[in-house]
């Protein structure tokens, strides 16, 4: 059983890991050279064998193929090489599509934009937004992780939550420059392969910034609580992602959103609905595409995969 709570992993994945490039802490401008990029190609399976699945789907267009790859935005060196099939679908695609147009953005400027949006604007501090009782509780949890909460006193709860999440992920060796997007960004730049984006930096930030402060505060406290035990389940979830175990990922990632329907609707459902319209246009093109988005966006009935299937498109998990 995966012990890391789904709310926290969803926050980590959707924010520090899966909101591509929007990092409040690390700026992967000087990205290191990738570890070995993909695993050796597996031997062909016999008729009685089943090839392993991945968080990867092939969608049949009128005259082309669109591949949907579920990403984790922060990975470790030990998570490489990536599955060989990732490299194969990258080679087959003429163009890449990511959450953001990663080859045309200034990462430092993007980080500054996020920091600016995260600052409180009504004159209140984080301590005042939380109230004294919750502030003391939050400070104690932060202190247990060697995080001085006072340094976040001028930011809104959503930004504080992302910062705590990413600080803990960095301690475990997770690095945005090793995430799936940055891996394929470097490959695409080397190959002069074009990259398009599904949304803008401002849109991604707005998904968090427009959440009600009460919701942000509850989510921040939950993130602090779960961050204390992040190392207890992250390995299982990464393994589920690598092995394409959609059932395990769906159960763990969606169950915890029961108490945060506004967050789920803002960060997942609305974005999926918007992206599906864009992806439908790609399926009417002649070029093959590799679309790379956060893994949670490809799992479940209201996912990109589920919505495309409901519209009658033919999808196959690879």
Protein backbone atom coordinates (compact mmCIF):
# COMPACT_ATOMS: atom_id res chain seq x y z
CA UNK A 1 0.00 0.00 0.00
CA UNK A 2 1.29 3.44 -0.89
CA UNK A 3 1.42 5.44 2.32
CA UNK A 4 2.11 8.91 0.93
CA UNK A 5 -1.21 10.72 1.00
CA UNK A 6 -2.77 11.52 -2.33
CA UNK A 7 -3.35 15.19 -1.54
CA UNK A 8 0.32 15.77 -0.94
CA UNK A 9 1.53 13.79 -3.93
CA UNK A 10 -1.04 15.49 -6.14
CA UNK A 11 0.19 18.85 -4.89
CA UNK A 12 3.79 17.83 -5.45
CA UNK A 13 3.06 16.48 -8.89
CA UNK A 14 0.70 19.17 -10.05
CA UNK A 15 2.74 21.98 -8.60
CA UNK A 16 6.39 21.40 -7.90
CA UNK A 17 6.52 18.40 -10.21
CA UNK A 18 3.80 18.72 -12.79
CA UNK A 19 3.22 22.39 -13.40
CA UNK A 20 5.96 22.50 -15.96
CA UNK A 21 8.73 24.90 -15.13
CA UNK A 22 6.83 26.91 -12.48
CA UNK A 23 9.22 26.32 -9.60
CA UNK A 24 9.30 28.66 -6.60
CA UNK A 25 12.69 27.32 -5.45
CA UNK A 26 14.83 25.70 -8.13
CA UNK A 27 15.52 27.26 -11.51
CA UNK A 28 16.86 24.61 -13.91
CA UNK A 29 18.60 27.13 -16.13
CA UNK A 30 21.92 25.34 -15.95
CA UNK A 31 20.52 21.89 -16.48
CA UNK A 32 23.03 19.07 -16.12
CA UNK A 33 23.77 16.59 -18.87
CA UNK A 34 21.18 13.85 -18.84
CA UNK A 35 21.96 10.44 -17.42
CA UNK A 36 21.51 7.63 -19.98
CA UNK A 37 18.33 8.79 -21.61
CA UNK A 38 16.38 5.62 -22.33
CA UNK A 39 16.56 1.96 -21.49
CA UNK A 40 17.72 -0.51 -24.12
CA UNK A 41 14.88 -1.61 -26.34
CA UNK A 42 13.18 -4.72 -24.92
CA UNK A 43 13.12 -7.98 -26.82
CA UNK A 44 9.96 -8.62 -28.77
CA UNK A 45 7.34 -10.39 -26.71
CA UNK A 46 6.04 -13.77 -27.73
CA UNK A 47 2.30 -14.13 -28.44
CA UNK A 48 1.76 -15.35 -24.87
CA UNK A 49 3.71 -12.48 -23.27
CA UNK A 50 2.39 -9.05 -22.44
CA UNK A 51 4.58 -6.01 -22.97
CA UNK A 52 4.72 -3.66 -19.98
CA UNK A 53 2.45 -0.64 -20.11
CA UNK A 54 3.37 2.97 -19.44
CA UNK A 55 1.56 6.24 -18.73
CA UNK A 56 1.57 6.64 -22.49
CA UNK A 57 -1.20 6.44 -25.07
CA UNK A 58 -1.35 6.44 -28.84
CA UNK A 59 -4.32 8.31 -30.33
CA UNK A 60 -5.30 7.70 -33.93
CA UNK A 61 -6.01 10.82 -35.94
CA UNK A 62 -7.41 11.08 -39.45
CA UNK A 63 -3.98 10.93 -41.07
CA UNK A 64 -1.58 11.03 -38.12
CA UNK A 65 -0.75 9.76 -34.63
CA UNK A 66 -0.69 11.74 -31.39
CA UNK A 67 1.14 10.27 -28.41
CA UNK A 68 0.15 11.30 -24.88
CA UNK A 69 2.94 10.89 -22.33
CA UNK A 70 2.31 11.36 -18.61
CA UNK A 71 5.18 13.24 -17.03
CA UNK A 72 6.76 13.75 -13.64
CA UNK A 73 8.46 17.14 -13.62
CA UNK A 74 11.04 16.36 -10.96
CA UNK A 75 13.06 13.16 -11.12
CA UNK A 76 16.34 11.83 -9.74
CA UNK A 77 19.40 10.54 -11.51
CA UNK A 78 18.46 7.07 -10.29
CA UNK A 79 15.19 7.32 -12.22
CA UNK A 80 17.18 7.15 -15.46
CA UNK A 81 17.26 5.66 -17.99
CA UNK A 82 13.67 6.32 -18.96
CA UNK A 83 11.67 3.52 -20.62
CA UNK A 84 12.86 2.90 -24.17
CA UNK A 85 9.41 3.47 -25.64
CA UNK A 86 9.61 7.15 -24.62
CA UNK A 87 12.51 7.59 -27.00
CA UNK A 88 10.70 5.73 -29.75
CA UNK A 89 7.60 7.93 -29.69
CA UNK A 90 9.81 11.01 -29.48
CA UNK A 91 11.61 9.87 -32.66
CA UNK A 92 8.31 9.25 -34.45
CA UNK A 93 6.89 12.68 -33.62
CA UNK A 94 7.59 15.66 -35.88
CA UNK A 95 6.54 18.11 -33.15
CA UNK A 96 6.30 18.20 -29.35
CA UNK A 97 3.53 19.77 -27.26
CA UNK A 98 4.00 20.49 -23.56
CA UNK A 99 2.00 22.31 -20.93
CA UNK A 100 4.21 25.33 -21.66
CA UNK A 101 6.13 26.27 -24.78
CA UNK A 102 9.36 25.38 -23.00
CA UNK A 103 11.82 26.39 -25.71
CA UNK A 104 10.47 29.95 -25.94
CA UNK A 105 10.30 31.01 -22.30
CA UNK A 106 12.81 32.69 -20.00
CA UNK A 107 12.98 30.46 -16.92
CA UNK A 108 14.33 33.17 -14.65
CA UNK A 109 11.63 35.58 -15.78
CA UNK A 110 9.02 32.86 -15.28
CA UNK A 111 10.20 32.19 -11.74
CA UNK A 112 10.10 35.90 -10.94
CA UNK A 113 6.58 36.09 -12.34
CA UNK A 114 5.56 33.27 -10.03
CA UNK A 115 7.18 34.90 -6.99
CA UNK A 116 5.44 38.19 -7.75
CA UNK A 117 2.06 36.48 -8.04
CA UNK A 118 2.68 34.61 -4.80
CA UNK A 119 3.15 37.72 -2.66
CA UNK A 120 0.24 38.81 -0.49
CA UNK A 121 -1.52 41.87 -1.86
CA UNK A 122 -4.01 42.85 0.83
CA UNK A 123 -1.49 43.93 3.44
CA UNK A 124 -1.88 40.76 5.50
CA UNK A 125 0.93 38.33 6.26
CA UNK A 126 0.71 34.56 5.95
CA UNK A 127 0.48 34.48 9.73
CA UNK A 128 -2.54 36.77 9.67
CA UNK A 129 -4.20 34.79 6.87
CA UNK A 130 -3.80 31.53 8.80
CA UNK A 131 -4.65 32.96 12.24
CA UNK A 132 -2.58 32.46 15.37
CA UNK A 133 -3.67 28.91 16.15
CA UNK A 134 -2.99 27.57 12.67
CA UNK A 135 0.20 29.63 12.38
CA UNK A 136 1.63 28.02 15.52
CA UNK A 137 0.66 24.58 14.23
CA UNK A 138 2.22 25.32 10.83
CA UNK A 139 5.39 26.74 12.40
CA UNK A 140 5.89 23.62 14.50
CA UNK A 141 5.51 21.32 11.50
CA UNK A 142 7.86 23.48 9.41
CA UNK A 143 10.44 23.55 12.18
CA UNK A 144 10.44 19.75 12.31
CA UNK A 145 11.65 19.86 8.68
CA UNK A 146 14.22 22.61 9.32
CA UNK A 147 12.10 25.14 7.45
CA UNK A 148 11.82 28.64 8.92
CA UNK A 149 8.23 29.60 8.23
CA UNK A 150 8.96 33.25 8.91
CA UNK A 151 10.74 33.42 5.54
CA UNK A 152 7.37 32.70 3.88
CA UNK A 153 5.37 35.18 5.93
CA UNK A 154 4.92 37.58 3.01
CA UNK A 155 3.47 35.03 0.56
CA UNK A 156 0.05 33.52 0.05
CA UNK A 157 -0.67 29.97 1.29
CA UNK A 158 -0.57 28.39 -2.18
CA UNK A 159 2.95 29.68 -2.78
CA UNK A 160 4.07 28.62 0.68
CA UNK A 161 2.69 25.12 0.02
CA UNK A 162 4.58 24.80 -3.27
CA UNK A 163 7.77 26.00 -1.62
CA UNK A 164 7.54 23.49 1.22
CA UNK A 165 6.77 20.69 -1.24
CA UNK A 166 9.68 21.48 -3.48
CA UNK A 167 12.15 21.95 -0.62
CA UNK A 168 11.32 18.47 0.63
CA UNK A 169 11.52 16.98 -2.87
CA UNK A 170 14.92 18.56 -3.39
CA UNK A 171 16.15 17.01 -0.14
CA UNK A 172 15.26 13.61 -1.59
CA UNK A 173 17.29 14.28 -4.72
CA UNK A 174 14.44 15.23 -7.05
CA UNK A 175 15.51 17.89 -9.54
CA UNK A 176 13.41 19.80 -12.11
CA UNK A 177 16.31 19.68 -14.58
CA UNK A 178 15.97 15.88 -14.56
CA UNK A 179 12.21 15.91 -15.12
CA UNK A 180 10.65 14.46 -18.26
CA UNK A 181 9.97 17.86 -19.84
CA UNK A 182 13.50 19.15 -19.48
CA UNK A 183 14.90 15.86 -20.75
CA UNK A 184 12.89 16.11 -23.96
CA UNK A 185 13.37 19.87 -24.16
CA UNK A 186 17.12 19.31 -24.43
CA UNK A 187 16.62 16.57 -27.04
CA UNK A 188 14.26 18.72 -29.09
CA UNK A 189 16.63 21.68 -29.00
CA UNK A 190 19.50 19.48 -30.16
CA UNK A 191 17.33 18.05 -32.96
CA UNK A 192 15.73 21.39 -33.92
CA UNK A 193 12.34 19.83 -33.26
CA UNK A 194 9.60 22.43 -32.61
CA UNK A 195 7.77 22.62 -29.27
CA UNK A 196 4.32 24.10 -28.76
CA UNK A 197 2.50 24.94 -25.50
CA UNK A 198 -1.02 24.21 -24.29
CA UNK A 199 -1.18 27.22 -21.96
CA UNK A 200 0.81 30.23 -20.79
CA UNK A 201 2.85 30.80 -17.64
CA UNK A 202 0.29 33.36 -16.48
CA UNK A 203 -2.50 30.80 -16.86
CA UNK A 204 -0.62 28.20 -14.83
CA UNK A 205 0.01 30.64 -12.00
CA UNK A 206 -3.62 31.80 -12.05
CA UNK A 207 -4.84 28.24 -11.41
CA UNK A 208 -3.28 28.50 -7.94
CA UNK A 209 -3.59 32.21 -7.29
CA UNK A 210 -7.35 32.33 -7.84
CA UNK A 211 -8.10 29.61 -5.25
CA UNK A 212 -10.00 31.00 -2.23
CA UNK A 213 -7.67 31.85 0.66
CA UNK A 214 -9.53 29.48 2.97
CA UNK A 215 -8.93 26.62 0.54
CA UNK A 216 -5.30 27.64 0.10
CA UNK A 217 -4.81 27.67 3.87
CA UNK A 218 -6.24 24.18 4.38
CA UNK A 219 -4.17 22.85 1.51
CA UNK A 220 -1.02 24.47 2.92
CA UNK A 221 -1.55 22.87 6.32
CA UNK A 222 -2.18 19.48 4.68
CA UNK A 223 0.98 19.86 2.61
CA UNK A 224 3.00 20.62 5.75
CA UNK A 225 1.52 17.63 7.54
CA UNK A 226 2.27 15.20 4.74
CA UNK A 227 5.65 16.69 3.86
CA UNK A 228 6.97 15.31 7.13
CA UNK A 229 6.61 11.76 5.81
CA UNK A 230 7.12 12.32 2.09
CA UNK A 231 9.88 9.72 1.85
CA UNK A 232 7.58 6.91 3.01
CA UNK A 233 5.66 6.48 -0.22
CA UNK A 234 7.24 8.44 -3.03
CA UNK A 235 9.15 5.40 -4.31
CA UNK A 236 5.97 3.38 -4.75
CA UNK A 237 4.32 6.18 -6.68
CA UNK A 238 7.30 6.67 -8.97
CA UNK A 239 7.32 2.91 -9.61
CA UNK A 240 3.60 3.02 -10.41
CA UNK A 241 4.30 5.81 -12.89
CA UNK A 242 7.17 3.92 -14.53
CA UNK A 243 5.16 0.71 -14.81
CA UNK A 244 2.00 2.35 -16.11
CA UNK A 245 -0.09 1.21 -13.15
CA UNK A 246 -3.00 3.55 -13.80
CA UNK A 247 -5.27 1.91 -11.22
CA UNK A 248 -2.81 2.48 -8.37
CA UNK A 249 -2.07 6.02 -9.46
CA UNK A 250 -5.73 6.93 -9.92
CA UNK A 251 -6.79 5.59 -6.53
CA UNK A 252 -4.00 7.34 -4.67
CA UNK A 253 -4.09 10.63 -6.57
CA UNK A 254 -7.81 11.26 -6.68
CA UNK A 255 -9.11 9.93 -3.35
CA UNK A 256 -7.52 12.72 -1.36
CA UNK A 257 -9.18 15.41 -3.44
CA UNK A 258 -12.52 14.60 -1.76
CA UNK A 259 -11.91 17.45 0.64
CA UNK A 260 -10.63 19.81 -2.04
CA UNK A 261 -13.11 19.80 -4.94
CA UNK A 262 -12.25 23.38 -5.88
CA UNK A 263 -8.57 22.50 -6.17
CA UNK A 264 -9.28 19.42 -8.28
CA UNK A 265 -11.61 21.33 -10.56
CA UNK A 266 -9.16 24.20 -11.04
CA UNK A 267 -5.92 22.26 -11.39
CA UNK A 268 -7.19 19.18 -13.21
CA UNK A 269 -10.67 19.17 -14.73
CA UNK A 270 -10.81 22.60 -16.34
CA UNK A 271 -7.34 22.27 -17.77
CA UNK A 272 -8.09 18.82 -19.18
CA UNK A 273 -11.20 20.16 -20.90
CA UNK A 274 -9.26 23.02 -22.46
CA UNK A 275 -6.39 20.78 -23.56
CA UNK A 276 -8.70 18.25 -25.21
CA UNK A 277 -9.95 20.93 -27.58
CA UNK A 278 -6.35 21.70 -28.60
CA UNK A 279 -5.41 18.04 -28.93
CA UNK A 280 -8.47 17.40 -31.12
CA UNK A 281 -7.06 19.99 -33.53
CA UNK A 282 -3.74 18.13 -33.59
CA UNK A 283 -5.58 14.97 -34.59
CA UNK A 284 -6.73 16.76 -37.74
CA UNK A 285 -3.13 17.49 -38.77
CA UNK A 286 -0.66 15.58 -40.95
CA UNK A 287 2.28 15.70 -38.52
CA UNK A 288 2.69 13.23 -35.68
CA UNK A 289 2.84 14.80 -32.20
CA UNK A 290 4.19 13.86 -28.79
CA UNK A 291 2.13 15.60 -26.10
CA UNK A 292 3.79 15.63 -22.65
CA UNK A 293 1.63 16.64 -19.67
CA UNK A 294 1.46 15.76 -15.99
CA UNK A 295 0.58 12.12 -15.38
CA UNK A 296 -2.55 12.89 -13.35
CA UNK A 297 -4.03 14.60 -16.43
CA UNK A 298 -4.07 11.26 -18.26
CA UNK A 299 -5.73 9.10 -15.59
CA UNK A 300 -9.46 8.72 -14.89
CA UNK A 301 -12.79 9.46 -16.55
CA UNK A 302 -12.29 13.24 -16.53
CA UNK A 303 -8.71 13.00 -17.77
CA UNK A 304 -7.51 13.94 -21.23
CA UNK A 305 -7.53 10.23 -22.12
CA UNK A 306 -11.03 9.74 -20.72
CA UNK A 307 -12.45 12.81 -22.46
CA UNK A 308 -10.93 11.89 -25.82
CA UNK A 309 -12.26 8.35 -25.49
CA UNK A 310 -15.74 9.72 -24.68
CA UNK A 311 -15.58 11.76 -27.89
CA UNK A 312 -15.02 8.60 -29.92
CA UNK A 313 -11.28 8.71 -30.52
CA UNK A 314 -9.37 5.45 -30.64
CA UNK A 315 -6.70 5.27 -27.91
CA UNK A 316 -4.24 2.52 -27.05
CA UNK A 317 -2.05 2.40 -23.95
CA UNK A 318 1.52 1.57 -24.88
